[in-house]
Amino acid sequence: IAKNISEIELEKIQFTGSVTRITTEKDPLNNWADRLGGVYL
């Protein structure tokens, strides 16, 4: 867990790409993850 999250956060600092996230308004996955502070790009 520590290794995975550390790598993600370090690489986020250097990331310059474009990520487009398209979500439906009533999507339970994203609504649930957003409430719990889910980390996206």
ModelCIF file with pLDDT and N, C-alpha, C, O atoms, coordinates in Angstrom:
data_MODEL
#
_entry.id   MODEL 
#
_entity.id                         1 
_entity.type                       polymer 
_entity.pdbx_number_of_molecules   1 
#
_entity_poly.entity_id                      1 
_entity_poly.type                           'polypeptide(L)' 
_entity_poly.nstd_linkage                   no 
_entity_poly.nstd_monomer                   no 
_entity_poly.pdbx_seq_one_letter_code       IAKNISEIELEKIQFTGSVTRITTEKDPLNNWADRLGGVYL 
_entity_poly.pdbx_seq_one_letter_code_can   IAKNISEIELEKIQFTGSVTRITTEKDPLNNWADRLGGVYL 
_entity_poly.pdbx_strand_id                 A 
#
loop_
_entity_poly_seq.entity_id 
_entity_poly_seq.num 
_entity_poly_seq.mon_id 
_entity_poly_seq.hetero 
1 1  ILE n 
1 2  ALA n 
1 3  LYS n 
1 4  ASN n 
1 5  ILE n 
1 6  SER n 
1 7  GLU n 
1 8  ILE n 
1 9  GLU n 
1 10 LEU n 
1 11 GLU n 
1 12 LYS n 
1 13 ILE n 
1 14 GLN n 
1 15 PHE n 
1 16 THR n 
1 17 GLY n 
1 18 SER n 
1 19 VAL n 
1 20 THR n 
1 21 ARG n 
1 22 ILE n 
1 23 THR n 
1 24 THR n 
1 25 GLU n 
1 26 LYS n 
1 27 ASP n 
1 28 PRO n 
1 29 LEU n 
1 30 ASN n 
1 31 ASN n 
1 32 TRP n 
1 33 ALA n 
1 34 ASP n 
1 35 ARG n 
1 36 LEU n 
1 37 GLY n 
1 38 GLY n 
1 39 VAL n 
1 40 TYR n 
1 41 LEU n 
#
_struct_asym.id          A 
_struct_asym.entity_id   1 
#
loop_
_ma_qa_metric.id 
_ma_qa_metric.mode 
_ma_qa_metric.name 
_ma_qa_metric.software_group_id 
_ma_qa_metric.type 
1 global pLDDT . pLDDT 
2 local  pLDDT . pLDDT 
#
_ma_qa_metric_global.metric_id      1 
_ma_qa_metric_global.metric_value   90.95 
_ma_qa_metric_global.model_id       1 
_ma_qa_metric_global.ordinal_id     1 
#
loop_
_ma_qa_metric_local.label_asym_id 
_ma_qa_metric_local.label_comp_id 
_ma_qa_metric_local.label_seq_id 
_ma_qa_metric_local.metric_id 
_ma_qa_metric_local.metric_value 
_ma_qa_metric_local.model_id 
_ma_qa_metric_local.ordinal_id 
A ILE 1  2 89.00 1 1  
A ALA 2  2 92.00 1 2  
A LYS 3  2 92.00 1 3  
A ASN 4  2 92.00 1 4  
A ILE 5  2 93.00 1 5  
A SER 6  2 94.00 1 6  
A GLU 7  2 95.00 1 7  
A ILE 8  2 95.00 1 8  
A GLU 9  2 95.00 1 9  
A LEU 10 2 95.00 1 10 
A GLU 11 2 96.00 1 11 
A LYS 12 2 95.00 1 12 
A ILE 13 2 94.00 1 13 
A GLN 14 2 92.00 1 14 
A PHE 15 2 95.00 1 15 
A THR 16 2 94.00 1 16 
A GLY 17 2 94.00 1 17 
A SER 18 2 91.00 1 18 
A VAL 19 2 94.00 1 19 
A THR 20 2 92.00 1 20 
A ARG 21 2 93.00 1 21 
A ILE 22 2 92.00 1 22 
A THR 23 2 92.00 1 23 
A THR 24 2 91.00 1 24 
A GLU 25 2 87.00 1 25 
A LYS 26 2 89.00 1 26 
A ASP 27 2 91.00 1 27 
A PRO 28 2 89.00 1 28 
A LEU 29 2 87.00 1 29 
A ASN 30 2 85.00 1 30 
A ASN 31 2 85.00 1 31 
A TRP 32 2 85.00 1 32 
A ALA 33 2 86.00 1 33 
A ASP 34 2 83.00 1 34 
A ARG 35 2 81.00 1 35 
A LEU 36 2 83.00 1 36 
A GLY 37 2 87.00 1 37 
A GLY 38 2 91.00 1 38 
A VAL 39 2 93.00 1 39 
A TYR 40 2 95.00 1 40 
A LEU 41 2 95.00 1 41 
#
loop_
_atom_site.group_PDB 
_atom_site.id 
_atom_site.type_symbol 
_atom_site.label_atom_id 
_atom_site.label_alt_id 
_atom_site.label_comp_id 
_atom_site.label_asym_id 
_atom_site.label_entity_id 
_atom_site.label_seq_id 
_atom_site.pdbx_PDB_ins_code 
_atom_site.Cartn_x 
_atom_site.Cartn_y 
_atom_site.Cartn_z 
_atom_site.occupancy 
_atom_site.B_iso_or_equiv 
_atom_site.pdbx_formal_charge 
_atom_site.auth_seq_id 
_atom_site.auth_comp_id 
_atom_site.auth_asym_id 
_atom_site.auth_atom_id 
_atom_site.pdbx_PDB_model_num 
ATOM 1   N N  . ILE A 1 1  ? 0.830   -1.202 0.000   1.00 89.00 ? 1  ILE A N  1 
ATOM 2   C CA . ILE A 1 1  ? 0.000   0.000  0.000   1.00 89.00 ? 1  ILE A CA 1 
ATOM 3   C C  . ILE A 1 1  ? 0.869   1.259  0.000   1.00 89.00 ? 1  ILE A C  1 
ATOM 4   O O  . ILE A 1 1  ? 0.652   2.172  -0.797  1.00 89.00 ? 1  ILE A O  1 
ATOM 5   N N  . ALA A 1 2  ? 1.839   1.298  0.886   1.00 92.00 ? 2  ALA A N  1 
ATOM 6   C CA . ALA A 1 2  ? 2.717   2.466  1.004   1.00 92.00 ? 2  ALA A CA 1 
ATOM 7   C C  . ALA A 1 2  ? 3.493   2.703  -0.288  1.00 92.00 ? 2  ALA A C  1 
ATOM 8   O O  . ALA A 1 2  ? 3.622   3.841  -0.739  1.00 92.00 ? 2  ALA A O  1 
ATOM 9   N N  . LYS A 1 3  ? 4.008   1.630  -0.883  1.00 92.00 ? 3  LYS A N  1 
ATOM 10  C CA . LYS A 1 3  ? 4.797   1.742  -2.112  1.00 92.00 ? 3  LYS A CA 1 
ATOM 11  C C  . LYS A 1 3  ? 3.931   2.255  -3.271  1.00 92.00 ? 3  LYS A C  1 
ATOM 12  O O  . LYS A 1 3  ? 4.341   3.148  -4.012  1.00 92.00 ? 3  LYS A O  1 
ATOM 13  N N  . ASN A 1 4  ? 2.741   1.687  -3.416  1.00 92.00 ? 4  ASN A N  1 
ATOM 14  C CA . ASN A 1 4  ? 1.854   2.065  -4.515  1.00 92.00 ? 4  ASN A CA 1 
ATOM 15  C C  . ASN A 1 4  ? 1.448   3.527  -4.430  1.00 92.00 ? 4  ASN A C  1 
ATOM 16  O O  . ASN A 1 4  ? 1.532   4.256  -5.419  1.00 92.00 ? 4  ASN A O  1 
ATOM 17  N N  . ILE A 1 5  ? 1.012   3.957  -3.263  1.00 93.00 ? 5  ILE A N  1 
ATOM 18  C CA . ILE A 1 5  ? 0.542   5.331  -3.103  1.00 93.00 ? 5  ILE A CA 1 
ATOM 19  C C  . ILE A 1 5  ? 1.695   6.319  -3.239  1.00 93.00 ? 5  ILE A C  1 
ATOM 20  O O  . ILE A 1 5  ? 1.527   7.389  -3.825  1.00 93.00 ? 5  ILE A O  1 
ATOM 21  N N  . SER A 1 6  ? 2.864   5.973  -2.703  1.00 94.00 ? 6  SER A N  1 
ATOM 22  C CA . SER A 1 6  ? 4.029   6.843  -2.818  1.00 94.00 ? 6  SER A CA 1 
ATOM 23  C C  . SER A 1 6  ? 4.411   7.056  -4.281  1.00 94.00 ? 6  SER A C  1 
ATOM 24  O O  . SER A 1 6  ? 4.713   8.178  -4.688  1.00 94.00 ? 6  SER A O  1 
ATOM 25  N N  . GLU A 1 7  ? 4.399   5.990  -5.067  1.00 95.00 ? 7  GLU A N  1 
ATOM 26  C CA . GLU A 1 7  ? 4.738   6.095  -6.492  1.00 95.00 ? 7  GLU A CA 1 
ATOM 27  C C  . GLU A 1 7  ? 3.715   6.944  -7.240  1.00 95.00 ? 7  GLU A C  1 
ATOM 28  O O  . GLU A 1 7  ? 4.083   7.773  -8.072  1.00 95.00 ? 7  GLU A O  1 
ATOM 29  N N  . ILE A 1 8  ? 2.443   6.743  -6.948  1.00 95.00 ? 8  ILE A N  1 
ATOM 30  C CA . ILE A 1 8  ? 1.396   7.521  -7.603  1.00 95.00 ? 8  ILE A CA 1 
ATOM 31  C C  . ILE A 1 8  ? 1.560   9.007  -7.319  1.00 95.00 ? 8  ILE A C  1 
ATOM 32  O O  . ILE A 1 8  ? 1.534   9.824  -8.239  1.00 95.00 ? 8  ILE A O  1 
ATOM 33  N N  . GLU A 1 9  ? 1.726   9.357  -6.055  1.00 95.00 ? 9  GLU A N  1 
ATOM 34  C CA . GLU A 1 9  ? 1.823   10.761 -5.689  1.00 95.00 ? 9  GLU A CA 1 
ATOM 35  C C  . GLU A 1 9  ? 3.087   11.413 -6.256  1.00 95.00 ? 9  GLU A C  1 
ATOM 36  O O  . GLU A 1 9  ? 3.049   12.583 -6.638  1.00 95.00 ? 9  GLU A O  1 
ATOM 37  N N  . LEU A 1 10 ? 4.189   10.691 -6.316  1.00 95.00 ? 10 LEU A N  1 
ATOM 38  C CA . LEU A 1 10 ? 5.426   11.229 -6.886  1.00 95.00 ? 10 LEU A CA 1 
ATOM 39  C C  . LEU A 1 10 ? 5.266   11.455 -8.389  1.00 95.00 ? 10 LEU A C  1 
ATOM 40  O O  . LEU A 1 10 ? 5.676   12.494 -8.906  1.00 95.00 ? 10 LEU A O  1 
ATOM 41  N N  . GLU A 1 11 ? 4.676   10.492 -9.088  1.00 96.00 ? 11 GLU A N  1 
ATOM 42  C CA . GLU A 1 11 ? 4.507   10.603 -10.533 1.00 96.00 ? 11 GLU A CA 1 
ATOM 43  C C  . GLU A 1 11 ? 3.483   11.663 -10.910 1.00 96.00 ? 11 GLU A C  1 
ATOM 44  O O  . GLU A 1 11 ? 3.566   12.247 -11.990 1.00 96.00 ? 11 GLU A O  1 
ATOM 45  N N  . LYS A 1 12 ? 2.519   11.917 -10.031 1.00 95.00 ? 12 LYS A N  1 
ATOM 46  C CA . LYS A 1 12 ? 1.530   12.959 -10.298 1.00 95.00 ? 12 LYS A CA 1 
ATOM 47  C C  . LYS A 1 12 ? 2.184   14.333 -10.407 1.00 95.00 ? 12 LYS A C  1 
ATOM 48  O O  . LYS A 1 12 ? 1.739   15.172 -11.190 1.00 95.00 ? 12 LYS A O  1 
ATOM 49  N N  . ILE A 1 13 ? 3.227   14.563 -9.632  1.00 94.00 ? 13 ILE A N  1 
ATOM 50  C CA . ILE A 1 13 ? 3.922   15.846 -9.648  1.00 94.00 ? 13 ILE A CA 1 
ATOM 51  C C  . ILE A 1 13 ? 4.547   16.111 -11.016 1.00 94.00 ? 13 ILE A C  1 
ATOM 52  O O  . ILE A 1 13 ? 4.595   17.254 -11.471 1.00 94.00 ? 13 ILE A O  1 
ATOM 53  N N  . GLN A 1 14 ? 5.022   15.060 -11.664 1.00 92.00 ? 14 GLN A N  1 
ATOM 54  C CA . GLN A 1 14 ? 5.728   15.194 -12.929 1.00 92.00 ? 14 GLN A CA 1 
ATOM 55  C C  . GLN A 1 14 ? 4.835   14.952 -14.152 1.00 92.00 ? 14 GLN A C  1 
ATOM 56  O O  . GLN A 1 14 ? 5.306   15.047 -15.285 1.00 92.00 ? 14 GLN A O  1 
ATOM 57  N N  . PHE A 1 15 ? 3.581   14.648 -13.938 1.00 95.00 ? 15 PHE A N  1 
ATOM 58  C CA . PHE A 1 15 ? 2.692   14.276 -15.028 1.00 95.00 ? 15 PHE A CA 1 
ATOM 59  C C  . PHE A 1 15 ? 2.263   15.501 -15.833 1.00 95.00 ? 15 PHE A C  1 
ATOM 60  O O  . PHE A 1 15 ? 1.820   16.499 -15.264 1.00 95.00 ? 15 PHE A O  1 
ATOM 61  N N  . THR A 1 16 ? 2.394   15.422 -17.157 1.00 94.00 ? 16 THR A N  1 
ATOM 62  C CA . THR A 1 16 ? 2.026   16.535 -18.044 1.00 94.00 ? 16 THR A CA 1 
ATOM 63  C C  . THR A 1 16 ? 0.996   16.135 -19.096 1.00 94.00 ? 16 THR A C  1 
ATOM 64  O O  . THR A 1 16 ? 0.619   16.956 -19.933 1.00 94.00 ? 16 THR A O  1 
ATOM 65  N N  . GLY A 1 17 ? 0.540   14.892 -19.064 1.00 94.00 ? 17 GLY A N  1 
ATOM 66  C CA . GLY A 1 17 ? -0.406  14.414 -20.056 1.00 94.00 ? 17 GLY A CA 1 
ATOM 67  C C  . GLY A 1 17 ? -1.815  14.937 -19.823 1.00 94.00 ? 17 GLY A C  1 
ATOM 68  O O  . GLY A 1 17 ? -2.099  15.599 -18.825 1.00 94.00 ? 17 GLY A O  1 
ATOM 69  N N  . SER A 1 18 ? -2.690  14.622 -20.772 1.00 91.00 ? 18 SER A N  1 
ATOM 70  C CA . SER A 1 18 ? -4.090  15.027 -20.692 1.00 91.00 ? 18 SER A CA 1 
ATOM 71  C C  . SER A 1 18 ? -4.956  13.808 -20.414 1.00 91.00 ? 18 SER A C  1 
ATOM 72  O O  . SER A 1 18 ? -4.886  12.812 -21.134 1.00 91.00 ? 18 SER A O  1 
ATOM 73  N N  . VAL A 1 19 ? -5.778  13.890 -19.362 1.00 94.00 ? 19 VAL A N  1 
ATOM 74  C CA . VAL A 1 19 ? -6.709  12.813 -19.029 1.00 94.00 ? 19 VAL A CA 1 
ATOM 75  C C  . VAL A 1 19 ? -8.118  13.391 -18.979 1.00 94.00 ? 19 VAL A C  1 
ATOM 76  O O  . VAL A 1 19 ? -8.394  14.305 -18.202 1.00 94.00 ? 19 VAL A O  1 
ATOM 77  N N  . THR A 1 20 ? -8.998  12.861 -19.802 1.00 92.00 ? 20 THR A N  1 
ATOM 78  C CA . THR A 1 20 ? -10.395 13.269 -19.832 1.00 92.00 ? 20 THR A CA 1 
ATOM 79  C C  . THR A 1 20 ? -11.231 12.161 -19.202 1.00 92.00 ? 20 THR A C  1 
ATOM 80  O O  . THR A 1 20 ? -11.268 11.039 -19.709 1.00 92.00 ? 20 THR A O  1 
ATOM 81  N N  . ARG A 1 21 ? -11.899 12.477 -18.097 1.00 93.00 ? 21 ARG A N  1 
ATOM 82  C CA . ARG A 1 21 ? -12.766 11.508 -17.424 1.00 93.00 ? 21 ARG A CA 1 
ATOM 83  C C  . ARG A 1 21 ? -14.221 11.872 -17.696 1.00 93.00 ? 21 ARG A C  1 
ATOM 84  O O  . ARG A 1 21 ? -14.690 12.935 -17.289 1.00 93.00 ? 21 ARG A O  1 
ATOM 85  N N  . ILE A 1 22 ? -14.929 10.986 -18.385 1.00 92.00 ? 22 ILE A N  1 
ATOM 86  C CA . ILE A 1 22 ? -16.329 11.205 -18.719 1.00 92.00 ? 22 ILE A CA 1 
ATOM 87  C C  . ILE A 1 22 ? -17.175 10.303 -17.834 1.00 92.00 ? 22 ILE A C  1 
ATOM 88  O O  . ILE A 1 22 ? -17.039 9.080  -17.865 1.00 92.00 ? 22 ILE A O  1 
ATOM 89  N N  . THR A 1 23 ? -18.057 10.922 -17.041 1.00 92.00 ? 23 THR A N  1 
ATOM 90  C CA . THR A 1 23 ? -18.857 10.145 -16.102 1.00 92.00 ? 23 THR A CA 1 
ATOM 91  C C  . THR A 1 23 ? -20.334 10.476 -16.249 1.00 92.00 ? 23 THR A C  1 
ATOM 92  O O  . THR A 1 23 ? -20.704 11.598 -16.593 1.00 92.00 ? 23 THR A O  1 
ATOM 93  N N  . THR A 1 24 ? -21.156 9.499  -15.988 1.00 91.00 ? 24 THR A N  1 
ATOM 94  C CA . THR A 1 24 ? -22.597 9.712  -15.954 1.00 91.00 ? 24 THR A CA 1 
ATOM 95  C C  . THR A 1 24 ? -22.998 10.235 -14.585 1.00 91.00 ? 24 THR A C  1 
ATOM 96  O O  . THR A 1 24 ? -22.379 9.902  -13.574 1.00 91.00 ? 24 THR A O  1 
ATOM 97  N N  . GLU A 1 25 ? -24.030 11.048 -14.564 1.00 87.00 ? 25 GLU A N  1 
ATOM 98  C CA . GLU A 1 25 ? -24.402 11.756 -13.338 1.00 87.00 ? 25 GLU A CA 1 
ATOM 99  C C  . GLU A 1 25 ? -24.779 10.812 -12.202 1.00 87.00 ? 25 GLU A C  1 
ATOM 100 O O  . GLU A 1 25 ? -24.477 11.088 -11.041 1.00 87.00 ? 25 GLU A O  1 
ATOM 101 N N  . LYS A 1 26 ? -25.439 9.695  -12.529 1.00 89.00 ? 26 LYS A N  1 
ATOM 102 C CA . LYS A 1 26 ? -25.918 8.785  -11.495 1.00 89.00 ? 26 LYS A CA 1 
ATOM 103 C C  . LYS A 1 26 ? -25.029 7.561  -11.338 1.00 89.00 ? 26 LYS A C  1 
ATOM 104 O O  . LYS A 1 26 ? -25.469 6.537  -10.815 1.00 89.00 ? 26 LYS A O  1 
ATOM 105 N N  . ASP A 1 27 ? -23.783 7.658  -11.789 1.00 91.00 ? 27 ASP A N  1 
ATOM 106 C CA . ASP A 1 27 ? -22.858 6.541  -11.648 1.00 91.00 ? 27 ASP A CA 1 
ATOM 107 C C  . ASP A 1 27 ? -22.556 6.298  -10.174 1.00 91.00 ? 27 ASP A C  1 
ATOM 108 O O  . ASP A 1 27 ? -21.940 7.153  -9.537  1.00 91.00 ? 27 ASP A O  1 
ATOM 109 N N  . PRO A 1 28 ? -22.966 5.167  -9.608  1.00 89.00 ? 28 PRO A N  1 
ATOM 110 C CA . PRO A 1 28 ? -22.754 4.928  -8.174  1.00 89.00 ? 28 PRO A CA 1 
ATOM 111 C C  . PRO A 1 28 ? -21.283 4.793  -7.806  1.00 89.00 ? 28 PRO A C  1 
ATOM 112 O O  . PRO A 1 28 ? -20.884 5.169  -6.703  1.00 89.00 ? 28 PRO A O  1 
ATOM 113 N N  . LEU A 1 29 ? -20.453 4.248  -8.738  1.00 87.00 ? 29 LEU A N  1 
ATOM 114 C CA . LEU A 1 29 ? -19.037 4.072  -8.440  1.00 87.00 ? 29 LEU A CA 1 
ATOM 115 C C  . LEU A 1 29 ? -18.364 5.402  -8.163  1.00 87.00 ? 29 LEU A C  1 
ATOM 116 O O  . LEU A 1 29 ? -17.712 5.567  -7.132  1.00 87.00 ? 29 LEU A O  1 
ATOM 117 N N  . ASN A 1 30 ? -18.516 6.360  -9.083  1.00 85.00 ? 30 ASN A N  1 
ATOM 118 C CA . ASN A 1 30 ? -17.860 7.649  -8.903  1.00 85.00 ? 30 ASN A CA 1 
ATOM 119 C C  . ASN A 1 30 ? -18.486 8.463  -7.781  1.00 85.00 ? 30 ASN A C  1 
ATOM 120 O O  . ASN A 1 30 ? -17.779 9.154  -7.048  1.00 85.00 ? 30 ASN A O  1 
ATOM 121 N N  . ASN A 1 31 ? -19.808 8.386  -7.640  1.00 85.00 ? 31 ASN A N  1 
ATOM 122 C CA . ASN A 1 31 ? -20.452 9.107  -6.544  1.00 85.00 ? 31 ASN A CA 1 
ATOM 123 C C  . ASN A 1 31 ? -19.954 8.598  -5.191  1.00 85.00 ? 31 ASN A C  1 
ATOM 124 O O  . ASN A 1 31 ? -19.717 9.382  -4.272  1.00 85.00 ? 31 ASN A O  1 
ATOM 125 N N  . TRP A 1 32 ? -19.801 7.306  -5.081  1.00 85.00 ? 32 TRP A N  1 
ATOM 126 C CA . TRP A 1 32 ? -19.301 6.697  -3.847  1.00 85.00 ? 32 TRP A CA 1 
ATOM 127 C C  . TRP A 1 32 ? -17.834 7.047  -3.627  1.00 85.00 ? 32 TRP A C  1 
ATOM 128 O O  . TRP A 1 32 ? -17.440 7.432  -2.527  1.00 85.00 ? 32 TRP A O  1 
ATOM 129 N N  . ALA A 1 33 ? -17.020 6.910  -4.687  1.00 86.00 ? 33 ALA A N  1 
ATOM 130 C CA . ALA A 1 33 ? -15.591 7.189  -4.571  1.00 86.00 ? 33 ALA A CA 1 
ATOM 131 C C  . ALA A 1 33 ? -15.322 8.661  -4.260  1.00 86.00 ? 33 ALA A C  1 
ATOM 132 O O  . ALA A 1 33 ? -14.408 8.988  -3.504  1.00 86.00 ? 33 ALA A O  1 
ATOM 133 N N  . ASP A 1 34 ? -16.138 9.557  -4.859  1.00 83.00 ? 34 ASP A N  1 
ATOM 134 C CA . ASP A 1 34 ? -15.978 10.983 -4.585  1.00 83.00 ? 34 ASP A CA 1 
ATOM 135 C C  . ASP A 1 34 ? -16.237 11.298 -3.116  1.00 83.00 ? 34 ASP A C  1 
ATOM 136 O O  . ASP A 1 34 ? -15.526 12.099 -2.508  1.00 83.00 ? 34 ASP A O  1 
ATOM 137 N N  . ARG A 1 35 ? -17.253 10.665 -2.557  1.00 81.00 ? 35 ARG A N  1 
ATOM 138 C CA . ARG A 1 35 ? -17.578 10.896 -1.150  1.00 81.00 ? 35 ARG A CA 1 
ATOM 139 C C  . ARG A 1 35 ? -16.432 10.460 -0.245  1.00 81.00 ? 35 ARG A C  1 
ATOM 140 O O  . ARG A 1 35 ? -16.245 11.016 0.837   1.00 81.00 ? 35 ARG A O  1 
ATOM 141 N N  . LEU A 1 36 ? -15.663 9.462  -0.687  1.00 83.00 ? 36 LEU A N  1 
ATOM 142 C CA . LEU A 1 36 ? -14.561 8.943  0.112   1.00 83.00 ? 36 LEU A CA 1 
ATOM 143 C C  . LEU A 1 36 ? -13.209 9.543  -0.274  1.00 83.00 ? 36 LEU A C  1 
ATOM 144 O O  . LEU A 1 36 ? -12.164 9.091  0.195   1.00 83.00 ? 36 LEU A O  1 
ATOM 145 N N  . GLY A 1 37 ? -13.239 10.582 -1.145  1.00 87.00 ? 37 GLY A N  1 
ATOM 146 C CA . GLY A 1 37 ? -11.994 11.262 -1.512  1.00 87.00 ? 37 GLY A CA 1 
ATOM 147 C C  . GLY A 1 37 ? -11.143 10.530 -2.521  1.00 87.00 ? 37 GLY A C  1 
ATOM 148 O O  . GLY A 1 37 ? -9.920  10.677 -2.512  1.00 87.00 ? 37 GLY A O  1 
ATOM 149 N N  . GLY A 1 38 ? -11.765 9.728  -3.410  1.00 91.00 ? 38 GLY A N  1 
ATOM 150 C CA . GLY A 1 38 ? -11.019 8.972  -4.413  1.00 91.00 ? 38 GLY A CA 1 
ATOM 151 C C  . GLY A 1 38 ? -10.067 9.848  -5.219  1.00 91.00 ? 38 GLY A C  1 
ATOM 152 O O  . GLY A 1 38 ? -10.406 10.976 -5.578  1.00 91.00 ? 38 GLY A O  1 
ATOM 153 N N  . VAL A 1 39 ? -8.886  9.330  -5.500  1.00 93.00 ? 39 VAL A N  1 
ATOM 154 C CA . VAL A 1 39 ? -7.845  10.079 -6.209  1.00 93.00 ? 39 VAL A CA 1 
ATOM 155 C C  . VAL A 1 39 ? -7.861  9.714  -7.693  1.00 93.00 ? 39 VAL A C  1 
ATOM 156 O O  . VAL A 1 39 ? -7.774  8.540  -8.054  1.00 93.00 ? 39 VAL A O  1 
ATOM 157 N N  . TYR A 1 40 ? -7.972  10.728 -8.546  1.00 95.00 ? 40 TYR A N  1 
ATOM 158 C CA . TYR A 1 40 ? -8.028  10.542 -9.990  1.00 95.00 ? 40 TYR A CA 1 
ATOM 159 C C  . TYR A 1 40 ? -6.977  11.404 -10.677 1.00 95.00 ? 40 TYR A C  1 
ATOM 160 O O  . TYR A 1 40 ? -6.283  12.197 -10.041 1.00 95.00 ? 40 TYR A O  1 
ATOM 161 N N  . LEU A 1 41 ? -6.877  11.228 -11.992 1.00 95.00 ? 41 LEU A N  1 
ATOM 162 C CA . LEU A 1 41 ? -6.093  12.112 -12.847 1.00 95.00 ? 41 LEU A CA 1 
ATOM 163 C C  . LEU A 1 41 ? -7.023  12.918 -13.741 1.00 95.00 ? 41 LEU A C  1 
ATOM 164 O O  . LEU A 1 41 ? -6.559  13.729 -14.543 1.00 95.00 ? 41 LEU A O  1 
#
